[in-house]
């Protein structure tokens, strides 16, 4: 028996093969939004979206991650843990700078 299901490349759901194109058309925007602009990013229209600030200030990896964890603290869960991660990245940058 032939497998009549395929994985939609847009939504990563196993769906009937004949529906793949329809799924792509209907789900593309929704699926891409969860990749490009998830809710915890604070919105694509926000002028202070974390990645925009990191790029504008030309921050490197460690400081960029610190800003990311500060800017999104608590948006996905534990605020204290996010702030502790920010501290870790700041300390990492200090340690690199002092070498």
PDB file of N, CA and C in Angstrom:
ATOM      1  N   UNK A   1       0.839  -1.179   0.000  1.00  0.00           N
ATOM      2  CA  UNK A   1       0.000   0.000   0.000  1.00  0.00           C
ATOM      3  C   UNK A   1       0.883   1.242   0.000  1.00  0.00           C
ATOM      4  N   UNK A   2       0.569   2.184  -0.832  1.00  0.00           N
ATOM      5  CA  UNK A   2       1.345   3.413  -0.970  1.00  0.00           C
ATOM      6  C   UNK A   2       1.021   4.377   0.172  1.00  0.00           C
ATOM      7  N   UNK A   3       2.052   5.058   0.659  1.00  0.00           N
ATOM      8  CA  UNK A   3       1.870   6.046   1.709  1.00  0.00           C
ATOM      9  C   UNK A   3       1.259   7.301   1.105  1.00  0.00           C
ATOM     10  N   UNK A   4       0.080   7.672   1.536  1.00  0.00           N
ATOM     11  CA  UNK A   4      -0.615   8.832   0.994  1.00  0.00           C
ATOM     12  C   UNK A   4      -0.439  10.075   1.859  1.00  0.00           C
ATOM     13  N   UNK A   5       0.549  10.061   2.722  1.00  0.00           N
ATOM     14  CA  UNK A   5       0.806  11.205   3.581  1.00  0.00           C
ATOM     15  C   UNK A   5       2.208  11.730   3.329  1.00  0.00           C
ATOM     16  N   UNK A   6       2.366  13.039   3.467  1.00  0.00           N
ATOM     17  CA  UNK A   6       3.667  13.674   3.325  1.00  0.00           C
ATOM     18  C   UNK A   6       3.829  14.699   4.431  1.00  0.00           C
ATOM     19  N   UNK A   7       5.073  15.036   4.704  1.00  0.00           N
ATOM     20  CA  UNK A   7       5.367  16.071   5.680  1.00  0.00           C
ATOM     21  C   UNK A   7       5.328  17.416   4.988  1.00  0.00           C
ATOM     22  N   UNK A   8       4.484  18.305   5.471  1.00  0.00           N
ATOM     23  CA  UNK A   8       4.404  19.655   4.909  1.00  0.00           C
ATOM     24  C   UNK A   8       5.654  20.412   5.332  1.00  0.00           C
ATOM     25  N   UNK A   9       6.364  20.993   4.381  1.00  0.00           N
ATOM     26  CA  UNK A   9       7.588  21.727   4.683  1.00  0.00           C
ATOM     27  C   UNK A   9       7.294  23.059   5.357  1.00  0.00           C
ATOM     28  N   UNK A  10       6.065  23.500   5.316  1.00  0.00           N
ATOM     29  CA  UNK A  10       5.689  24.762   5.936  1.00  0.00           C
ATOM     30  C   UNK A  10       5.335  24.588   7.408  1.00  0.00           C
ATOM     31  N   UNK A  11       4.480  23.615   7.703  1.00  0.00           N
ATOM     32  CA  UNK A  11       3.997  23.487   9.079  1.00  0.00           C
ATOM     33  C   UNK A  11       4.529  22.244   9.790  1.00  0.00           C
ATOM     34  N   UNK A  12       5.317  21.412   9.102  1.00  0.00           N
ATOM     35  CA  UNK A  12       5.911  20.206   9.676  1.00  0.00           C
ATOM     36  C   UNK A  12       4.886  19.223  10.224  1.00  0.00           C
ATOM     37  N   UNK A  13       3.702  19.223   9.628  1.00  0.00           N
ATOM     38  CA  UNK A  13       2.680  18.264  10.013  1.00  0.00           C
ATOM     39  C   UNK A  13       2.574  17.206   8.926  1.00  0.00           C
ATOM     40  N   UNK A  14       2.266  15.991   9.337  1.00  0.00           N
ATOM     41  CA  UNK A  14       2.033  14.918   8.386  1.00  0.00           C
ATOM     42  C   UNK A  14       0.584  15.042   7.913  1.00  0.00           C
ATOM     43  N   UNK A  15       0.414  15.291   6.626  1.00  0.00           N
ATOM     44  CA  UNK A  15      -0.911  15.544   6.075  1.00  0.00           C
ATOM     45  C   UNK A  15      -1.088  14.739   4.794  1.00  0.00           C
ATOM     46  N   UNK A  16      -2.318  14.584   4.320  1.00  0.00           N
ATOM     47  CA  UNK A  16      -2.532  13.875   3.058  1.00  0.00           C
ATOM     48  C   UNK A  16      -1.723  14.527   1.936  1.00  0.00           C
ATOM     49  N   UNK A  17      -1.124  13.694   1.100  1.00  0.00           N
ATOM     50  CA  UNK A  17      -0.235  14.173   0.041  1.00  0.00           C
ATOM     51  C   UNK A  17      -0.888  15.227  -0.834  1.00  0.00           C
ATOM     52  N   UNK A  18      -2.146  15.047  -1.164  1.00  0.00           N
ATOM     53  CA  UNK A  18      -2.823  16.002  -2.053  1.00  0.00           C
ATOM     54  C   UNK A  18      -3.055  17.355  -1.382  1.00  0.00           C
ATOM     55  N   UNK A  19      -2.930  17.421  -0.067  1.00  0.00           N
ATOM     56  CA  UNK A  19      -3.166  18.673   0.653  1.00  0.00           C
ATOM     57  C   UNK A  19      -1.893  19.474   0.914  1.00  0.00           C
ATOM     58  N   UNK A  20      -0.739  18.925   0.529  1.00  0.00           N
ATOM     59  CA  UNK A  20       0.515  19.611   0.837  1.00  0.00           C
ATOM     60  C   UNK A  20       0.541  21.018   0.263  1.00  0.00           C
ATOM     61  N   UNK A  21       0.176  21.177  -0.995  1.00  0.00           N
ATOM     62  CA  UNK A  21       0.195  22.500  -1.609  1.00  0.00           C
ATOM     63  C   UNK A  21      -0.798  23.430  -0.918  1.00  0.00           C
ATOM     64  N   UNK A  22      -2.014  22.937  -0.642  1.00  0.00           N
ATOM     65  CA  UNK A  22      -2.998  23.759   0.061  1.00  0.00           C
ATOM     66  C   UNK A  22      -2.486  24.160   1.442  1.00  0.00           C
ATOM     67  N   UNK A  23      -1.870  23.224   2.119  1.00  0.00           N
ATOM     68  CA  UNK A  23      -1.349  23.507   3.453  1.00  0.00           C
ATOM     69  C   UNK A  23      -0.282  24.585   3.359  1.00  0.00           C
ATOM     70  N   UNK A  24       0.592  24.473   2.368  1.00  0.00           N
ATOM     71  CA  UNK A  24       1.648  25.473   2.188  1.00  0.00           C
ATOM     72  C   UNK A  24       1.030  26.854   2.013  1.00  0.00           C
ATOM     73  N   UNK A  25       0.030  26.955   1.153  1.00  0.00           N
ATOM     74  CA  UNK A  25      -0.586  28.247   0.886  1.00  0.00           C
ATOM     75  C   UNK A  25      -1.263  28.820   2.130  1.00  0.00           C
ATOM     76  N   UNK A  26      -1.957  27.973   2.877  1.00  0.00           N
ATOM     77  CA  UNK A  26      -2.740  28.449   4.017  1.00  0.00           C
ATOM     78  C   UNK A  26      -1.894  28.635   5.272  1.00  0.00           C
ATOM     79  N   UNK A  27      -0.885  27.795   5.433  1.00  0.00           N
ATOM     80  CA  UNK A  27      -0.123  27.796   6.675  1.00  0.00           C
ATOM     81  C   UNK A  27       1.194  28.554   6.584  1.00  0.00           C
ATOM     82  N   UNK A  28       1.605  28.927   5.398  1.00  0.00           N
ATOM     83  CA  UNK A  28       2.924  29.524   5.217  1.00  0.00           C
ATOM     84  C   UNK A  28       3.125  30.747   6.114  1.00  0.00           C
ATOM     85  N   UNK A  29       2.194  31.663   6.088  1.00  0.00           N
ATOM     86  CA  UNK A  29       2.352  32.888   6.867  1.00  0.00           C
ATOM     87  C   UNK A  29       2.394  32.564   8.355  1.00  0.00           C
ATOM     88  N   UNK A  30       1.460  31.731   8.815  1.00  0.00           N
ATOM     89  CA  UNK A  30       1.417  31.369  10.228  1.00  0.00           C
ATOM     90  C   UNK A  30       2.706  30.686  10.659  1.00  0.00           C
ATOM     91  N   UNK A  31       3.171  29.731   9.877  1.00  0.00           N
ATOM     92  CA  UNK A  31       4.367  28.981  10.239  1.00  0.00           C
ATOM     93  C   UNK A  31       5.604  29.870  10.215  1.00  0.00           C
ATOM     94  N   UNK A  32       5.715  30.723   9.224  1.00  0.00           N
ATOM     95  CA  UNK A  32       6.875  31.601   9.138  1.00  0.00           C
ATOM     96  C   UNK A  32       6.875  32.627  10.270  1.00  0.00           C
ATOM     97  N   UNK A  33       5.704  33.031  10.734  1.00  0.00           N
ATOM     98  CA  UNK A  33       5.642  33.985  11.840  1.00  0.00           C
ATOM     99  C   UNK A  33       6.221  33.370  13.112  1.00  0.00           C
ATOM    100  N   UNK A  34       5.982  32.082  13.333  1.00  0.00           N
ATOM    101  CA  UNK A  34       6.511  31.449  14.532  1.00  0.00           C
ATOM    102  C   UNK A  34       8.022  31.303  14.465  1.00  0.00           C
ATOM    103  N   UNK A  35       8.593  31.361  13.273  1.00  0.00           N
ATOM    104  CA  UNK A  35      10.042  31.317  13.107  1.00  0.00           C
ATOM    105  C   UNK A  35      10.613  32.728  13.175  1.00  0.00           C
ATOM    106  N   UNK A  36      10.057  33.637  12.404  1.00  0.00           N
ATOM    107  CA  UNK A  36      10.626  34.978  12.271  1.00  0.00           C
ATOM    108  C   UNK A  36      10.203  35.954  13.356  1.00  0.00           C
ATOM    109  N   UNK A  37       9.010  35.827  13.879  1.00  0.00           N
ATOM    110  CA  UNK A  37       8.499  36.796  14.849  1.00  0.00           C
ATOM    111  C   UNK A  37       7.631  36.153  15.917  1.00  0.00           C
ATOM    112  N   UNK A  38       8.197  35.246  16.717  1.00  0.00           N
ATOM    113  CA  UNK A  38       7.389  34.654  17.785  1.00  0.00           C
ATOM    114  C   UNK A  38       6.926  35.729  18.768  1.00  0.00           C
ATOM    115  N   UNK A  39       5.886  35.423  19.506  1.00  0.00           N
ATOM    116  CA  UNK A  39       5.323  36.390  20.450  1.00  0.00           C
ATOM    117  C   UNK A  39       6.359  36.919  21.439  1.00  0.00           C
ATOM    118  N   UNK A  40       7.285  36.051  21.910  1.00  0.00           N
ATOM    119  CA  UNK A  40       8.260  36.511  22.906  1.00  0.00           C
ATOM    120  C   UNK A  40       9.291  37.467  22.319  1.00  0.00           C
ATOM    121  N   UNK A  41       9.279  37.669  20.982  1.00  0.00           N
ATOM    122  CA  UNK A  41      10.174  38.652  20.357  1.00  0.00           C
ATOM    123  C   UNK A  41       9.617  40.057  20.493  1.00  0.00           C
ATOM    124  N   UNK A  42       8.418  40.193  20.981  1.00  0.00           N
ATOM    125  CA  UNK A  42       7.741  41.468  21.223  1.00  0.00           C
ATOM    126  C   UNK A  42       7.216  42.127  19.948  1.00  0.00           C
ATOM    127  N   UNK A  43       7.120  41.397  18.870  1.00  0.00           N
ATOM    128  CA  UNK A  43       6.460  41.911  17.675  1.00  0.00           C
ATOM    129  C   UNK A  43       7.382  42.496  16.631  1.00  0.00           C
ATOM    130  N   UNK A  44       7.066  42.181  15.384  1.00  0.00           N
ATOM    131  CA  UNK A  44       7.902  42.640  14.277  1.00  0.00           C
ATOM    132  C   UNK A  44       7.821  44.140  14.066  1.00  0.00           C
ATOM    133  N   UNK A  45       6.778  44.795  14.550  1.00  0.00           N
ATOM    134  CA  UNK A  45       6.631  46.232  14.373  1.00  0.00           C
ATOM    135  C   UNK A  45       7.219  47.036  15.530  1.00  0.00           C
ATOM    136  N   UNK A  46       7.770  46.361  16.517  1.00  0.00           N
ATOM    137  CA  UNK A  46       8.366  47.018  17.670  1.00  0.00           C
ATOM    138  C   UNK A  46       9.731  47.588  17.283  1.00  0.00           C
ATOM    139  N   UNK A  47       9.922  48.904  17.361  1.00  0.00           N
ATOM    140  CA  UNK A  47      11.217  49.483  16.976  1.00  0.00           C
ATOM    141  C   UNK A  47      12.346  49.075  17.917  1.00  0.00           C
ATOM    142  N   UNK A  48      12.008  48.555  19.087  1.00  0.00           N
ATOM    143  CA  UNK A  48      13.018  48.140  20.053  1.00  0.00           C
ATOM    144  C   UNK A  48      13.118  46.621  20.157  1.00  0.00           C
ATOM    145  N   UNK A  49      12.712  45.924  19.119  1.00  0.00           N
ATOM    146  CA  UNK A  49      12.857  44.469  19.107  1.00  0.00           C
ATOM    147  C   UNK A  49      14.327  44.149  19.347  1.00  0.00           C
ATOM    148  N   UNK A  50      14.586  43.149  20.158  1.00  0.00           N
ATOM    149  CA  UNK A  50      15.935  42.845  20.619  1.00  0.00           C
ATOM    150  C   UNK A  50      16.941  42.752  19.474  1.00  0.00           C
ATOM    151  N   UNK A  51      16.627  42.032  18.427  1.00  0.00           N
ATOM    152  CA  UNK A  51      17.595  41.860  17.350  1.00  0.00           C
ATOM    153  C   UNK A  51      17.909  43.190  16.656  1.00  0.00           C
ATOM    154  N   UNK A  52      16.927  44.084  16.607  1.00  0.00           N
ATOM    155  CA  UNK A  52      17.158  45.403  16.007  1.00  0.00           C
ATOM    156  C   UNK A  52      18.145  46.206  16.854  1.00  0.00           C
ATOM    157  N   UNK A  53      18.008  46.137  18.163  1.00  0.00           N
ATOM    158  CA  UNK A  53      18.924  46.840  19.066  1.00  0.00           C
ATOM    159  C   UNK A  53      20.328  46.249  18.962  1.00  0.00           C
ATOM    160  N   UNK A  54      20.428  44.931  18.978  1.00  0.00           N
ATOM    161  CA  UNK A  54      21.732  44.267  18.875  1.00  0.00           C
ATOM    162  C   UNK A  54      22.434  44.671  17.586  1.00  0.00           C
ATOM    163  N   UNK A  55      21.708  44.657  16.484  1.00  0.00           N
ATOM    164  CA  UNK A  55      22.297  45.043  15.192  1.00  0.00           C
ATOM    165  C   UNK A  55      22.670  46.520  15.164  1.00  0.00           C
ATOM    166  N   UNK A  56      21.794  47.376  15.672  1.00  0.00           N
ATOM    167  CA  UNK A  56      22.049  48.822  15.644  1.00  0.00           C
ATOM    168  C   UNK A  56      23.266  49.188  16.483  1.00  0.00           C
ATOM    169  N   UNK A  57      23.478  48.488  17.567  1.00  0.00           N
ATOM    170  CA  UNK A  57      24.592  48.798  18.454  1.00  0.00           C
ATOM    171  C   UNK A  57      25.843  47.985  18.127  1.00  0.00           C
ATOM    172  N   UNK A  58      25.755  47.142  17.106  1.00  0.00           N
ATOM    173  CA  UNK A  58      26.898  46.298  16.691  1.00  0.00           C
ATOM    174  C   UNK A  58      27.475  45.482  17.851  1.00  0.00           C
ATOM    175  N   UNK A  59      26.585  44.875  18.619  1.00  0.00           N
ATOM    176  CA  UNK A  59      27.033  44.063  19.746  1.00  0.00           C
ATOM    177  C   UNK A  59      27.502  42.704  19.262  1.00  0.00           C
ATOM    178  N   UNK A  60      28.467  42.159  19.927  1.00  0.00           N
ATOM    179  CA  UNK A  60      28.935  40.819  19.605  1.00  0.00           C
ATOM    180  C   UNK A  60      28.049  39.763  20.238  1.00  0.00           C
ATOM    181  N   UNK A  61      28.532  38.535  20.199  1.00  0.00           N
ATOM    182  CA  UNK A  61      27.747  37.397  20.673  1.00  0.00           C
ATOM    183  C   UNK A  61      27.366  37.526  22.154  1.00  0.00           C
ATOM    184  N   UNK A  62      28.344  37.741  23.014  1.00  0.00           N
ATOM    185  CA  UNK A  62      28.067  37.741  24.457  1.00  0.00           C
ATOM    186  C   UNK A  62      27.175  38.896  24.878  1.00  0.00           C
ATOM    187  N   UNK A  63      27.498  40.109  24.452  1.00  0.00           N
ATOM    188  CA  UNK A  63      26.667  41.248  24.833  1.00  0.00           C
ATOM    189  C   UNK A  63      25.300  41.190  24.158  1.00  0.00           C
ATOM    190  N   UNK A  64      25.267  40.679  22.936  1.00  0.00           N
ATOM    191  CA  UNK A  64      23.991  40.503  22.253  1.00  0.00           C
ATOM    192  C   UNK A  64      23.082  39.545  22.994  1.00  0.00           C
ATOM    193  N   UNK A  65      23.660  38.450  23.484  1.00  0.00           N
ATOM    194  CA  UNK A  65      22.861  37.497  24.257  1.00  0.00           C
ATOM    195  C   UNK A  65      22.415  38.092  25.580  1.00  0.00           C
ATOM    196  N   UNK A  66      23.265  38.881  26.216  1.00  0.00           N
ATOM    197  CA  UNK A  66      22.869  39.533  27.466  1.00  0.00           C
ATOM    198  C   UNK A  66      21.663  40.437  27.229  1.00  0.00           C
ATOM    199  N   UNK A  67      21.726  41.241  26.165  1.00  0.00           N
ATOM    200  CA  UNK A  67      20.605  42.123  25.829  1.00  0.00           C
ATOM    201  C   UNK A  67      19.353  41.299  25.509  1.00  0.00           C
ATOM    202  N   UNK A  68      19.555  40.203  24.789  1.00  0.00           N
ATOM    203  CA  UNK A  68      18.420  39.337  24.439  1.00  0.00           C
ATOM    204  C   UNK A  68      17.723  38.826  25.707  1.00  0.00           C
ATOM    205  N   UNK A  69      18.509  38.314  26.653  1.00  0.00           N
ATOM    206  CA  UNK A  69      17.900  37.770  27.866  1.00  0.00           C
ATOM    207  C   UNK A  69      17.271  38.858  28.734  1.00  0.00           C
ATOM    208  N   UNK A  70      17.856  40.050  28.740  1.00  0.00           N
ATOM    209  CA  UNK A  70      17.262  41.150  29.496  1.00  0.00           C
ATOM    210  C   UNK A  70      15.967  41.606  28.818  1.00  0.00           C
ATOM    211  N   UNK A  71      16.022  41.801  27.507  1.00  0.00           N
ATOM    212  CA  UNK A  71      14.860  42.305  26.771  1.00  0.00           C
ATOM    213  C   UNK A  71      13.668  41.370  26.768  1.00  0.00           C
ATOM    214  N   UNK A  72      13.942  40.092  26.850  1.00  0.00           N
ATOM    215  CA  UNK A  72      12.863  39.106  26.806  1.00  0.00           C
ATOM    216  C   UNK A  72      12.632  38.426  28.143  1.00  0.00           C
ATOM    217  N   UNK A  73      13.224  38.962  29.201  1.00  0.00           N
ATOM    218  CA  UNK A  73      13.151  38.325  30.521  1.00  0.00           C
ATOM    219  C   UNK A  73      11.711  38.042  30.920  1.00  0.00           C
ATOM    220  N   UNK A  74      11.457  36.788  31.207  1.00  0.00           N
ATOM    221  CA  UNK A  74      10.141  36.359  31.659  1.00  0.00           C
ATOM    222  C   UNK A  74       9.141  36.079  30.563  1.00  0.00           C
ATOM    223  N   UNK A  75       9.456  36.413  29.328  1.00  0.00           N
ATOM    224  CA  UNK A  75       8.487  36.239  28.243  1.00  0.00           C
ATOM    225  C   UNK A  75       8.209  34.775  27.930  1.00  0.00           C
ATOM    226  N   UNK A  76       9.163  33.912  28.187  1.00  0.00           N
ATOM    227  CA  UNK A  76       8.979  32.489  27.903  1.00  0.00           C
ATOM    228  C   UNK A  76       8.947  31.648  29.177  1.00  0.00           C
ATOM    229  N   UNK A  77       9.011  32.302  30.320  1.00  0.00           N
ATOM    230  CA  UNK A  77       9.000  31.502  31.541  1.00  0.00           C
ATOM    231  C   UNK A  77       9.620  32.230  32.713  1.00  0.00           C
ATOM    232  N   UNK A  78      10.711  31.692  33.216  1.00  0.00           N
ATOM    233  CA  UNK A  78      11.324  32.123  34.460  1.00  0.00           C
ATOM    234  C   UNK A  78      12.169  33.395  34.272  1.00  0.00           C
ATOM    235  N   UNK A  79      11.685  34.516  34.780  1.00  0.00           N
ATOM    236  CA  UNK A  79      12.374  35.795  34.628  1.00  0.00           C
ATOM    237  C   UNK A  79      13.734  35.796  35.327  1.00  0.00           C
ATOM    238  N   UNK A  80      13.797  35.243  36.523  1.00  0.00           N
ATOM    239  CA  UNK A  80      15.055  35.211  37.276  1.00  0.00           C
ATOM    240  C   UNK A  80      16.108  34.419  36.501  1.00  0.00           C
ATOM    241  N   UNK A  81      15.722  33.292  35.944  1.00  0.00           N
ATOM    242  CA  UNK A  81      16.662  32.483  35.165  1.00  0.00           C
ATOM    243  C   UNK A  81      17.159  33.257  33.942  1.00  0.00           C
ATOM    244  N   UNK A  82      16.274  33.971  33.268  1.00  0.00           N
ATOM    245  CA  UNK A  82      16.681  34.777  32.122  1.00  0.00           C
ATOM    246  C   UNK A  82      17.690  35.844  32.540  1.00  0.00           C
ATOM    247  N   UNK A  83      17.457  36.497  33.666  1.00  0.00           N
ATOM    248  CA  UNK A  83      18.376  37.527  34.137  1.00  0.00           C
ATOM    249  C   UNK A  83      19.710  36.933  34.579  1.00  0.00           C
ATOM    250  N   UNK A  84      19.680  35.730  35.143  1.00  0.00           N
ATOM    251  CA  UNK A  84      20.926  35.046  35.496  1.00  0.00           C
ATOM    252  C   UNK A  84      21.734  34.700  34.249  1.00  0.00           C
ATOM    253  N   UNK A  85      21.052  34.321  33.179  1.00  0.00           N
ATOM    254  CA  UNK A  85      21.734  34.057  31.915  1.00  0.00           C
ATOM    255  C   UNK A  85      22.375  35.338  31.381  1.00  0.00           C
ATOM    256  N   UNK A  86      21.677  36.449  31.507  1.00  0.00           N
ATOM    257  CA  UNK A  86      22.235  37.735  31.070  1.00  0.00           C
ATOM    258  C   UNK A  86      23.505  38.051  31.855  1.00  0.00           C
ATOM    259  N   UNK A  87      23.465  37.839  33.144  1.00  0.00           N
ATOM    260  CA  UNK A  87      24.649  38.068  33.983  1.00  0.00           C
ATOM    261  C   UNK A  87      25.801  37.175  33.536  1.00  0.00           C
ATOM    262  N   UNK A  88      25.504  35.911  33.228  1.00  0.00           N
ATOM    263  CA  UNK A  88      26.542  34.983  32.783  1.00  0.00           C
ATOM    264  C   UNK A  88      27.228  35.511  31.522  1.00  0.00           C
ATOM    265  N   UNK A  89      26.442  35.982  30.558  1.00  0.00           N
ATOM    266  CA  UNK A  89      27.017  36.496  29.318  1.00  0.00           C
ATOM    267  C   UNK A  89      27.801  37.791  29.549  1.00  0.00           C
ATOM    268  N   UNK A  90      27.337  38.638  30.449  1.00  0.00           N
ATOM    269  CA  UNK A  90      28.084  39.858  30.774  1.00  0.00           C
ATOM    270  C   UNK A  90      29.408  39.493  31.430  1.00  0.00           C
ATOM    271  N   UNK A  91      29.382  38.562  32.367  1.00  0.00           N
ATOM    272  CA  UNK A  91      30.618  38.123  33.022  1.00  0.00           C
ATOM    273  C   UNK A  91      31.574  37.490  32.015  1.00  0.00           C
ATOM    274  N   UNK A  92      31.042  36.741  31.086  1.00  0.00           N
ATOM    275  CA  UNK A  92      31.869  36.134  30.038  1.00  0.00           C
ATOM    276  C   UNK A  92      32.573  37.220  29.224  1.00  0.00           C
ATOM    277  N   UNK A  93      31.849  38.281  28.891  1.00  0.00           N
ATOM    278  CA  UNK A  93      32.433  39.395  28.130  1.00  0.00           C
ATOM    279  C   UNK A  93      33.501  40.112  28.957  1.00  0.00           C
ATOM    280  N   UNK A  94      33.250  40.308  30.239  1.00  0.00           N
ATOM    281  CA  UNK A  94      34.249  40.928  31.124  1.00  0.00           C
ATOM    282  C   UNK A  94      35.503  40.072  31.181  1.00  0.00           C
ATOM    283  N   UNK A  95      35.324  38.766  31.355  1.00  0.00           N
ATOM    284  CA  UNK A  95      36.474  37.852  31.425  1.00  0.00           C
ATOM    285  C   UNK A  95      37.295  37.879  30.137  1.00  0.00           C
ATOM    286  N   UNK A  96      36.637  37.904  29.007  1.00  0.00           N
ATOM    287  CA  UNK A  96      37.354  37.970  27.718  1.00  0.00           C
ATOM    288  C   UNK A  96      38.109  39.286  27.599  1.00  0.00           C
ATOM    289  N   UNK A  97      37.491  40.364  28.013  1.00  0.00           N
ATOM    290  CA  UNK A  97      38.086  41.688  27.893  1.00  0.00           C
ATOM    291  C   UNK A  97      39.311  41.832  28.784  1.00  0.00           C
ATOM    292  N   UNK A  98      39.283  41.186  29.928  1.00  0.00           N
ATOM    293  CA  UNK A  98      40.381  41.328  30.907  1.00  0.00           C
ATOM    294  C   UNK A  98      41.587  40.448  30.580  1.00  0.00           C
ATOM    295  N   UNK A  99      41.453  39.558  29.618  1.00  0.00           N
ATOM    296  CA  UNK A  99      42.584  38.665  29.259  1.00  0.00           C
ATOM    297  C   UNK A  99      43.655  39.418  28.517  1.00  0.00           C
TER     298      UNK A  99
END
